[in-house]
PDB file of N, CA and C in Angstrom:
ATOM      1  N   MET A   1     -31.473 -25.637 -38.534  1.00  0.00           N
ATOM      2  CA  MET A   1     -31.256 -25.039 -37.240  1.00  0.00           C
ATOM      3  C   MET A   1     -29.949 -24.255 -37.259  1.00  0.00           C
ATOM      4  N   ARG A   2     -30.014 -23.039 -36.692  1.00  0.00           N
ATOM      5  CA  ARG A   2     -28.840 -22.169 -36.667  1.00  0.00           C
ATOM      6  C   ARG A   2     -27.897 -22.600 -35.554  1.00  0.00           C
ATOM      7  N   GLU A   3     -26.631 -22.635 -35.876  1.00  0.00           N
ATOM      8  CA  GLU A   3     -25.626 -23.065 -34.908  1.00  0.00           C
ATOM      9  C   GLU A   3     -25.299 -21.923 -33.949  1.00  0.00           C
ATOM     10  N   GLN A   4     -25.155 -22.264 -32.684  1.00  0.00           N
ATOM     11  CA  GLN A   4     -24.785 -21.269 -31.672  1.00  0.00           C
ATOM     12  C   GLN A   4     -23.353 -20.811 -31.931  1.00  0.00           C
ATOM     13  N   PRO A   5     -23.083 -19.532 -31.711  1.00  0.00           N
ATOM     14  CA  PRO A   5     -21.711 -19.057 -31.912  1.00  0.00           C
ATOM     15  C   PRO A   5     -20.761 -19.680 -30.895  1.00  0.00           C
ATOM     16  N   SER A   6     -19.565 -19.876 -31.331  1.00  0.00           N
ATOM     17  CA  SER A   6     -18.522 -20.415 -30.457  1.00  0.00           C
ATOM     18  C   SER A   6     -18.163 -19.389 -29.396  1.00  0.00           C
ATOM     19  N   SER A   7     -17.723 -19.878 -28.251  1.00  0.00           N
ATOM     20  CA  SER A   7     -17.334 -18.953 -27.184  1.00  0.00           C
ATOM     21  C   SER A   7     -16.050 -18.210 -27.516  1.00  0.00           C
ATOM     22  N   VAL A   8     -15.356 -18.655 -28.558  1.00  0.00           N
ATOM     23  CA  VAL A   8     -14.133 -17.954 -28.940  1.00  0.00           C
ATOM     24  C   VAL A   8     -14.315 -17.151 -30.215  1.00  0.00           C
ATOM     25  N   GLU A   9     -15.527 -17.129 -30.755  1.00  0.00           N
ATOM     26  CA  GLU A   9     -15.796 -16.342 -31.956  1.00  0.00           C
ATOM     27  C   GLU A   9     -15.632 -14.863 -31.617  1.00  0.00           C
ATOM     28  N   PRO A  10     -14.952 -14.098 -32.459  1.00  0.00           N
ATOM     29  CA  PRO A  10     -14.739 -12.682 -32.142  1.00  0.00           C
ATOM     30  C   PRO A  10     -16.042 -11.905 -32.010  1.00  0.00           C
ATOM     31  N   PHE A  11     -16.080 -11.013 -31.043  1.00  0.00           N
ATOM     32  CA  PHE A  11     -17.199 -10.115 -30.810  1.00  0.00           C
ATOM     33  C   PHE A  11     -16.600  -8.718 -30.751  1.00  0.00           C
ATOM     34  N   ASP A  12     -16.765  -7.949 -31.819  1.00  0.00           N
ATOM     35  CA  ASP A  12     -16.148  -6.624 -31.932  1.00  0.00           C
ATOM     36  C   ASP A  12     -14.638  -6.703 -31.720  1.00  0.00           C
ATOM     37  N   GLY A  13     -14.022  -7.713 -32.269  1.00  0.00           N
ATOM     38  CA  GLY A  13     -12.581  -7.844 -32.174  1.00  0.00           C
ATOM     39  C   GLY A  13     -12.091  -8.531 -30.925  1.00  0.00           C
ATOM     40  N   VAL A  14     -12.994  -8.870 -30.009  1.00  0.00           N
ATOM     41  CA  VAL A  14     -12.615  -9.526 -28.763  1.00  0.00           C
ATOM     42  C   VAL A  14     -13.283 -10.883 -28.729  1.00  0.00           C
ATOM     43  N   PRO A  15     -12.538 -11.957 -28.484  1.00  0.00           N
ATOM     44  CA  PRO A  15     -13.192 -13.261 -28.370  1.00  0.00           C
ATOM     45  C   PRO A  15     -14.291 -13.216 -27.322  1.00  0.00           C
ATOM     46  N   ARG A  16     -15.417 -13.869 -27.614  1.00  0.00           N
ATOM     47  CA  ARG A  16     -16.564 -13.826 -26.707  1.00  0.00           C
ATOM     48  C   ARG A  16     -16.206 -14.273 -25.290  1.00  0.00           C
ATOM     49  N   CYS A  17     -15.321 -15.233 -25.176  1.00  0.00           N
ATOM     50  CA  CYS A  17     -14.976 -15.718 -23.834  1.00  0.00           C
ATOM     51  C   CYS A  17     -14.236 -14.659 -23.023  1.00  0.00           C
ATOM     52  N   LEU A  18     -13.703 -13.630 -23.688  1.00  0.00           N
ATOM     53  CA  LEU A  18     -12.971 -12.574 -22.987  1.00  0.00           C
ATOM     54  C   LEU A  18     -13.728 -11.253 -22.951  1.00  0.00           C
ATOM     55  N   ALA A  19     -14.904 -11.198 -23.554  1.00  0.00           N
ATOM     56  CA  ALA A  19     -15.619  -9.927 -23.707  1.00  0.00           C
ATOM     57  C   ALA A  19     -15.934  -9.249 -22.387  1.00  0.00           C
ATOM     58  N   SER A  20     -16.132 -10.008 -21.323  1.00  0.00           N
ATOM     59  CA  SER A  20     -16.416  -9.384 -20.030  1.00  0.00           C
ATOM     60  C   SER A  20     -15.247  -9.531 -19.062  1.00  0.00           C
ATOM     61  N   SER A  21     -14.085  -9.866 -19.568  1.00  0.00           N
ATOM     62  CA  SER A  21     -12.912 -10.015 -18.711  1.00  0.00           C
ATOM     63  C   SER A  21     -12.397  -8.648 -18.291  1.00  0.00           C
ATOM     64  N   PRO A  22     -11.619  -8.591 -17.223  1.00  0.00           N
ATOM     65  CA  PRO A  22     -11.035  -7.314 -16.808  1.00  0.00           C
ATOM     66  C   PRO A  22     -10.203  -6.666 -17.909  1.00  0.00           C
ATOM     67  N   ILE A  23      -9.550  -7.481 -18.722  1.00  0.00           N
ATOM     68  CA  ILE A  23      -8.738  -6.934 -19.816  1.00  0.00           C
ATOM     69  C   ILE A  23      -9.625  -6.231 -20.836  1.00  0.00           C
ATOM     70  N   ALA A  24     -10.717  -6.882 -21.218  1.00  0.00           N
ATOM     71  CA  ALA A  24     -11.626  -6.274 -22.195  1.00  0.00           C
ATOM     72  C   ALA A  24     -12.273  -5.029 -21.616  1.00  0.00           C
ATOM     73  N   LEU A  25     -12.643  -5.072 -20.348  1.00  0.00           N
ATOM     74  CA  LEU A  25     -13.263  -3.909 -19.729  1.00  0.00           C
ATOM     75  C   LEU A  25     -12.275  -2.753 -19.654  1.00  0.00           C
ATOM     76  N   ALA A  26     -11.027  -3.048 -19.356  1.00  0.00           N
ATOM     77  CA  ALA A  26     -10.003  -2.003 -19.316  1.00  0.00           C
ATOM     78  C   ALA A  26      -9.788  -1.415 -20.703  1.00  0.00           C
ATOM     79  N   ALA A  27      -9.803  -2.265 -21.721  1.00  0.00           N
ATOM     80  CA  ALA A  27      -9.628  -1.779 -23.090  1.00  0.00           C
ATOM     81  C   ALA A  27     -10.765  -0.862 -23.488  1.00  0.00           C
ATOM     82  N   SER A  28     -11.994  -1.190 -23.058  1.00  0.00           N
ATOM     83  CA  SER A  28     -13.127  -0.344 -23.416  1.00  0.00           C
ATOM     84  C   SER A  28     -13.072   0.995 -22.690  1.00  0.00           C
ATOM     85  N   ALA A  29     -12.362   1.049 -21.567  1.00  0.00           N
ATOM     86  CA  ALA A  29     -12.225   2.307 -20.835  1.00  0.00           C
ATOM     87  C   ALA A  29     -11.391   3.304 -21.620  1.00  0.00           C
ATOM     88  N   HIS A  30     -10.651   2.846 -22.593  1.00  0.00           N
ATOM     89  CA  HIS A  30      -9.795   3.711 -23.397  1.00  0.00           C
ATOM     90  C   HIS A  30     -10.428   3.996 -24.750  1.00  0.00           C
ATOM     91  N   SER A  31     -11.724   4.129 -24.759  1.00  0.00           N
ATOM     92  CA  SER A  31     -12.434   4.435 -25.991  1.00  0.00           C
ATOM     93  C   SER A  31     -12.096   5.859 -26.418  1.00  0.00           C
ATOM     94  N   PRO A  32     -12.358   6.215 -27.676  1.00  0.00           N
ATOM     95  CA  PRO A  32     -12.095   7.585 -28.135  1.00  0.00           C
ATOM     96  C   PRO A  32     -12.848   8.634 -27.311  1.00  0.00           C
ATOM     97  N   VAL A  33     -14.060   8.311 -26.873  1.00  0.00           N
ATOM     98  CA  VAL A  33     -14.830   9.259 -26.058  1.00  0.00           C
ATOM     99  C   VAL A  33     -14.149   9.463 -24.714  1.00  0.00           C
ATOM    100  N   ARG A  34     -13.744   8.369 -24.072  1.00  0.00           N
ATOM    101  CA  ARG A  34     -13.078   8.475 -22.774  1.00  0.00           C
ATOM    102  C   ARG A  34     -11.749   9.210 -22.915  1.00  0.00           C
ATOM    103  N   LYS A  35     -11.040   8.945 -23.995  1.00  0.00           N
ATOM    104  CA  LYS A  35      -9.765   9.626 -24.231  1.00  0.00           C
ATOM    105  C   LYS A  35      -9.993  11.133 -24.353  1.00  0.00           C
ATOM    106  N   ALA A  36     -11.030  11.534 -25.065  1.00  0.00           N
ATOM    107  CA  ALA A  36     -11.343  12.955 -25.217  1.00  0.00           C
ATOM    108  C   ALA A  36     -11.700  13.575 -23.873  1.00  0.00           C
ATOM    109  N   GLN A  37     -12.451  12.843 -23.038  1.00  0.00           N
ATOM    110  CA  GLN A  37     -12.803  13.346 -21.707  1.00  0.00           C
ATOM    111  C   GLN A  37     -11.549  13.570 -20.865  1.00  0.00           C
ATOM    112  N   LEU A  38     -10.648  12.595 -20.903  1.00  0.00           N
ATOM    113  CA  LEU A  38      -9.414  12.712 -20.119  1.00  0.00           C
ATOM    114  C   LEU A  38      -8.538  13.853 -20.627  1.00  0.00           C
ATOM    115  N   GLU A  39      -8.468  14.025 -21.946  1.00  0.00           N
ATOM    116  CA  GLU A  39      -7.682  15.126 -22.508  1.00  0.00           C
ATOM    117  C   GLU A  39      -8.253  16.474 -22.085  1.00  0.00           C
ATOM    118  N   ALA A  40      -9.581  16.585 -22.012  1.00  0.00           N
ATOM    119  CA  ALA A  40     -10.221  17.828 -21.565  1.00  0.00           C
ATOM    120  C   ALA A  40      -9.899  18.090 -20.101  1.00  0.00           C
ATOM    121  N   GLU A  41      -9.908  17.030 -19.275  1.00  0.00           N
ATOM    122  CA  GLU A  41      -9.569  17.187 -17.859  1.00  0.00           C
ATOM    123  C   GLU A  41      -8.120  17.635 -17.694  1.00  0.00           C
ATOM    124  N   VAL A  42      -7.226  17.055 -18.474  1.00  0.00           N
ATOM    125  CA  VAL A  42      -5.814  17.439 -18.406  1.00  0.00           C
ATOM    126  C   VAL A  42      -5.655  18.905 -18.804  1.00  0.00           C
ATOM    127  N   ALA A  43      -6.342  19.335 -19.851  1.00  0.00           N
ATOM    128  CA  ALA A  43      -6.262  20.728 -20.288  1.00  0.00           C
ATOM    129  C   ALA A  43      -6.761  21.668 -19.198  1.00  0.00           C
ATOM    130  N   GLU A  44      -7.845  21.296 -18.517  1.00  0.00           N
ATOM    131  CA  GLU A  44      -8.382  22.124 -17.437  1.00  0.00           C
ATOM    132  C   GLU A  44      -7.403  22.198 -16.262  1.00  0.00           C
ATOM    133  N   LEU A  45      -6.825  21.062 -15.902  1.00  0.00           N
ATOM    134  CA  LEU A  45      -5.847  21.044 -14.817  1.00  0.00           C
ATOM    135  C   LEU A  45      -4.623  21.885 -15.165  1.00  0.00           C
ATOM    136  N   GLN A  46      -4.186  21.803 -16.413  1.00  0.00           N
ATOM    137  CA  GLN A  46      -3.032  22.592 -16.848  1.00  0.00           C
ATOM    138  C   GLN A  46      -3.339  24.079 -16.792  1.00  0.00           C
ATOM    139  N   ALA A  47      -4.553  24.458 -17.209  1.00  0.00           N
ATOM    140  CA  ALA A  47      -4.950  25.866 -17.159  1.00  0.00           C
ATOM    141  C   ALA A  47      -4.989  26.358 -15.712  1.00  0.00           C
ATOM    142  N   ASN A  48      -5.528  25.542 -14.813  1.00  0.00           N
ATOM    143  CA  ASN A  48      -5.547  25.912 -13.393  1.00  0.00           C
ATOM    144  C   ASN A  48      -4.131  26.083 -12.863  1.00  0.00           C
ATOM    145  N   TYR A  49      -3.277  25.129 -13.190  1.00  0.00           N
ATOM    146  CA  TYR A  49      -1.882  25.174 -12.744  1.00  0.00           C
ATOM    147  C   TYR A  49      -1.198  26.442 -13.258  1.00  0.00           C
ATOM    148  N   ASP A  50      -1.379  26.732 -14.547  1.00  0.00           N
ATOM    149  CA  ASP A  50      -0.754  27.910 -15.139  1.00  0.00           C
ATOM    150  C   ASP A  50      -1.242  29.193 -14.467  1.00  0.00           C
ATOM    151  N   GLY A  51      -2.535  29.229 -14.150  1.00  0.00           N
ATOM    152  CA  GLY A  51      -3.090  30.386 -13.459  1.00  0.00           C
ATOM    153  C   GLY A  51      -2.507  30.558 -12.071  1.00  0.00           C
ATOM    154  N   TRP A  52      -2.349  29.443 -11.360  1.00  0.00           N
ATOM    155  CA  TRP A  52      -1.781  29.498 -10.010  1.00  0.00           C
ATOM    156  C   TRP A  52      -0.327  29.951 -10.043  1.00  0.00           C
ATOM    157  N   VAL A  53       0.424  29.489 -11.038  1.00  0.00           N
ATOM    158  CA  VAL A  53       1.820  29.914 -11.166  1.00  0.00           C
ATOM    159  C   VAL A  53       1.866  31.410 -11.464  1.00  0.00           C
ATOM    160  N   LYS A  54       0.979  31.869 -12.330  1.00  0.00           N
ATOM    161  CA  LYS A  54       0.964  33.276 -12.731  1.00  0.00           C
ATOM    162  C   LYS A  54       0.739  34.210 -11.545  1.00  0.00           C
ATOM    163  N   VAL A  55      -0.142  33.824 -10.630  1.00  0.00           N
ATOM    164  CA  VAL A  55      -0.410  34.682  -9.473  1.00  0.00           C
ATOM    165  C   VAL A  55       0.518  34.388  -8.300  1.00  0.00           C
ATOM    166  N   GLY A  56       1.420  33.420  -8.459  1.00  0.00           N
ATOM    167  CA  GLY A  56       2.434  33.166  -7.451  1.00  0.00           C
ATOM    168  C   GLY A  56       2.095  32.119  -6.416  1.00  0.00           C
ATOM    169  N   VAL A  57       0.957  31.500  -6.512  1.00  0.00           N
ATOM    170  CA  VAL A  57       0.569  30.518  -5.501  1.00  0.00           C
ATOM    171  C   VAL A  57       1.509  29.320  -5.503  1.00  0.00           C
ATOM    172  N   LEU A  58       1.866  28.822  -6.647  1.00  0.00           N
ATOM    173  CA  LEU A  58       2.671  27.600  -6.715  1.00  0.00           C
ATOM    174  C   LEU A  58       4.168  27.844  -6.648  1.00  0.00           C
ATOM    175  N   GLN A  59       4.573  29.069  -6.629  1.00  0.00           N
ATOM    176  CA  GLN A  59       6.007  29.325  -6.548  1.00  0.00           C
ATOM    177  C   GLN A  59       6.560  28.972  -5.172  1.00  0.00           C
ATOM    178  N   LYS A  60       5.695  28.821  -4.210  1.00  0.00           N
ATOM    179  CA  LYS A  60       6.141  28.552  -2.856  1.00  0.00           C
ATOM    180  C   LYS A  60       5.833  27.124  -2.413  1.00  0.00           C
ATOM    181  N   VAL A  61       5.454  26.258  -3.328  1.00  0.00           N
ATOM    182  CA  VAL A  61       5.132  24.876  -2.984  1.00  0.00           C
ATOM    183  C   VAL A  61       6.421  24.062  -2.964  1.00  0.00           C
ATOM    184  N   ILE A  62       6.622  23.340  -1.843  1.00  0.00           N
ATOM    185  CA  ILE A  62       7.746  22.422  -1.740  1.00  0.00           C
ATOM    186  C   ILE A  62       7.184  21.048  -1.399  1.00  0.00           C
ATOM    187  N   ARG A  63       8.028  20.051  -1.341  1.00  0.00           N
ATOM    188  CA  ARG A  63       7.607  18.698  -0.963  1.00  0.00           C
ATOM    189  C   ARG A  63       8.072  18.415   0.455  1.00  0.00           C
ATOM    190  N   CYS A  64       7.140  17.923   1.292  1.00  0.00           N
ATOM    191  CA  CYS A  64       7.436  17.626   2.694  1.00  0.00           C
ATOM    192  C   CYS A  64       7.217  16.138   2.961  1.00  0.00           C
ATOM    193  N   ASN A  65       7.996  15.622   3.871  1.00  0.00           N
ATOM    194  CA  ASN A  65       7.809  14.235   4.296  1.00  0.00           C
ATOM    195  C   ASN A  65       6.924  14.220   5.527  1.00  0.00           C
ATOM    196  N   PRO A  66       6.271  13.162   5.875  1.00  0.00           N
ATOM    197  CA  PRO A  66       6.276  11.883   5.165  1.00  0.00           C
ATOM    198  C   PRO A  66       5.369  11.928   3.940  1.00  0.00           C
ATOM    199  N   GLY A  67       5.673  11.137   2.987  1.00  0.00           N
ATOM    200  CA  GLY A  67       4.837  10.990   1.809  1.00  0.00           C
ATOM    201  C   GLY A  67       5.116  11.974   0.699  1.00  0.00           C
ATOM    202  N   ASN A  68       6.142  12.804   0.841  1.00  0.00           N
ATOM    203  CA  ASN A  68       6.493  13.737  -0.224  1.00  0.00           C
ATOM    204  C   ASN A  68       5.290  14.595  -0.632  1.00  0.00           C
ATOM    205  N   ARG A  69       4.536  15.053   0.364  1.00  0.00           N
ATOM    206  CA  ARG A  69       3.312  15.821   0.113  1.00  0.00           C
ATOM    207  C   ARG A  69       3.627  17.269  -0.222  1.00  0.00           C
ATOM    208  N   PRO A  70       2.765  17.936  -1.015  1.00  0.00           N
ATOM    209  CA  PRO A  70       2.983  19.353  -1.296  1.00  0.00           C
ATOM    210  C   PRO A  70       2.743  20.184  -0.034  1.00  0.00           C
ATOM    211  N   CYS A  71       3.649  21.114   0.240  1.00  0.00           N
ATOM    212  CA  CYS A  71       3.558  21.954   1.426  1.00  0.00           C
ATOM    213  C   CYS A  71       3.770  23.412   1.033  1.00  0.00           C
ATOM    214  N   ILE A  72       3.136  24.304   1.785  1.00  0.00           N
ATOM    215  CA  ILE A  72       3.336  25.732   1.593  1.00  0.00           C
ATOM    216  C   ILE A  72       3.588  26.377   2.941  1.00  0.00           C
ATOM    217  N   ARG A  73       4.194  27.531   2.928  1.00  0.00           N
ATOM    218  CA  ARG A  73       4.406  28.301   4.147  1.00  0.00           C
ATOM    219  C   ARG A  73       3.146  29.132   4.384  1.00  0.00           C
ATOM    220  N   VAL A  74       2.661  29.144   5.622  1.00  0.00           N
ATOM    221  CA  VAL A  74       1.462  29.913   5.945  1.00  0.00           C
ATOM    222  C   VAL A  74       1.806  31.035   6.912  1.00  0.00           C
ATOM    223  N   ASP A  75       0.971  32.069   6.907  1.00  0.00           N
ATOM    224  CA  ASP A  75       1.142  33.208   7.798  1.00  0.00           C
ATOM    225  C   ASP A  75       0.289  32.983   9.031  1.00  0.00           C
ATOM    226  N   GLU A  76       0.889  32.415  10.070  1.00  0.00           N
ATOM    227  CA  GLU A  76       0.156  32.116  11.299  1.00  0.00           C
ATOM    228  C   GLU A  76      -0.373  33.392  11.959  1.00  0.00           C
ATOM    229  N   SER A  77       0.296  34.537  11.751  1.00  0.00           N
ATOM    230  CA  SER A  77      -0.153  35.778  12.378  1.00  0.00           C
ATOM    231  C   SER A  77      -1.457  36.292  11.762  1.00  0.00           C
ATOM    232  N   ALA A  78      -1.841  35.765  10.619  1.00  0.00           N
ATOM    233  CA  ALA A  78      -3.102  36.167   9.979  1.00  0.00           C
ATOM    234  C   ALA A  78      -4.300  35.557  10.680  1.00  0.00           C
ATOM    235  N   GLY A  79      -4.047  34.597  11.547  1.00  0.00           N
ATOM    236  CA  GLY A  79      -5.118  34.012  12.335  1.00  0.00           C
ATOM    237  C   GLY A  79      -5.807  32.844  11.658  1.00  0.00           C
ATOM    238  N   GLN A  80      -6.841  32.370  12.367  1.00  0.00           N
ATOM    239  CA  GLN A  80      -7.629  31.247  11.868  1.00  0.00           C
ATOM    240  C   GLN A  80      -9.019  31.753  11.484  1.00  0.00           C
ATOM    241  N   PHE A  81      -9.762  30.938  10.794  1.00  0.00           N
ATOM    242  CA  PHE A  81     -11.042  31.378  10.258  1.00  0.00           C
ATOM    243  C   PHE A  81     -12.186  30.459  10.644  1.00  0.00           C
ATOM    244  N   GLU A  82     -12.068  29.822  11.813  1.00  0.00           N
ATOM    245  CA  GLU A  82     -13.106  28.901  12.271  1.00  0.00           C
ATOM    246  C   GLU A  82     -14.451  29.597  12.422  1.00  0.00           C
ATOM    247  N   SER A  83     -14.454  30.834  12.914  1.00  0.00           N
ATOM    248  CA  SER A  83     -15.713  31.558  13.130  1.00  0.00           C
ATOM    249  C   SER A  83     -16.445  31.846  11.812  1.00  0.00           C
ATOM    250  N   GLN A  84     -15.718  31.787  10.704  1.00  0.00           N
ATOM    251  CA  GLN A  84     -16.317  32.018   9.384  1.00  0.00           C
ATOM    252  C   GLN A  84     -16.637  30.705   8.674  1.00  0.00           C
ATOM    253  N   GLY A  85     -16.441  29.591   9.400  1.00  0.00           N
ATOM    254  CA  GLY A  85     -16.743  28.293   8.814  1.00  0.00           C
ATOM    255  C   GLY A  85     -15.584  27.668   8.047  1.00  0.00           C
ATOM    256  N   TYR A  86     -14.377  28.165   8.246  1.00  0.00           N
ATOM    257  CA  TYR A  86     -13.213  27.657   7.518  1.00  0.00           C
ATOM    258  C   TYR A  86     -12.164  27.125   8.480  1.00  0.00           C
ATOM    259  N   ALA A  87     -12.554  26.224   9.349  1.00  0.00           N
ATOM    260  CA  ALA A  87     -11.618  25.634  10.295  1.00  0.00           C
ATOM    261  C   ALA A  87     -10.490  24.943   9.540  1.00  0.00           C
ATOM    262  N   GLY A  88      -9.277  25.175   9.960  1.00  0.00           N
ATOM    263  CA  GLY A  88      -8.132  24.537   9.330  1.00  0.00           C
ATOM    264  C   GLY A  88      -7.532  25.332   8.182  1.00  0.00           C
ATOM    265  N   TYR A  89      -8.191  26.391   7.754  1.00  0.00           N
ATOM    266  CA  TYR A  89      -7.655  27.208   6.662  1.00  0.00           C
ATOM    267  C   TYR A  89      -6.711  28.259   7.208  1.00  0.00           C
ATOM    268  N   ARG A  90      -5.658  28.556   6.432  1.00  0.00           N
ATOM    269  CA  ARG A  90      -4.688  29.578   6.793  1.00  0.00           C
ATOM    270  C   ARG A  90      -4.371  30.411   5.549  1.00  0.00           C
ATOM    271  N   VAL A  91      -3.804  31.584   5.783  1.00  0.00           N
ATOM    272  CA  VAL A  91      -3.396  32.464   4.694  1.00  0.00           C
ATOM    273  C   VAL A  91      -2.010  32.038   4.224  1.00  0.00           C
ATOM    274  N   ILE A  92      -1.826  31.962   2.919  1.00  0.00           N
ATOM    275  CA  ILE A  92      -0.508  31.632   2.358  1.00  0.00           C
ATOM    276  C   ILE A  92       0.432  32.804   2.646  1.00  0.00           C
ATOM    277  N   TRP A  93       1.652  32.470   3.076  1.00  0.00           N
ATOM    278  CA  TRP A  93       2.654  33.477   3.386  1.00  0.00           C
ATOM    279  C   TRP A  93       2.867  34.408   2.187  1.00  0.00           C
ATOM    280  N   GLY A  94       2.860  35.700   2.447  1.00  0.00           N
ATOM    281  CA  GLY A  94       3.109  36.672   1.399  1.00  0.00           C
ATOM    282  C   GLY A  94       1.850  37.221   0.745  1.00  0.00           C
ATOM    283  N   TYR A  95       0.677  36.826   1.217  1.00  0.00           N
ATOM    284  CA  TYR A  95      -0.584  37.333   0.625  1.00  0.00           C
ATOM    285  C   TYR A  95      -1.329  38.168   1.614  1.00  0.00           C
TER     286      TYR A  95
END
């Protein structure tokens, strides 16, 4: 008769008793595939950021309280766009 594996016998480098633990699940989230996905997302975000800086959008971003949120100056004289389906949208100052 074959003996049942111990609950502490390694399973892919992780003891079986910990294989479904939050620690093991977190470790599996950092697989090479997931790392590549995250690196691609970072590259895309960086490209977007660089593009926004190039056209001047981010040169006017400051931090406002509460919460140290990103803020921009808007051109209130440009009006609102609710009739076009863009309630709450404003034109960035200088555009």
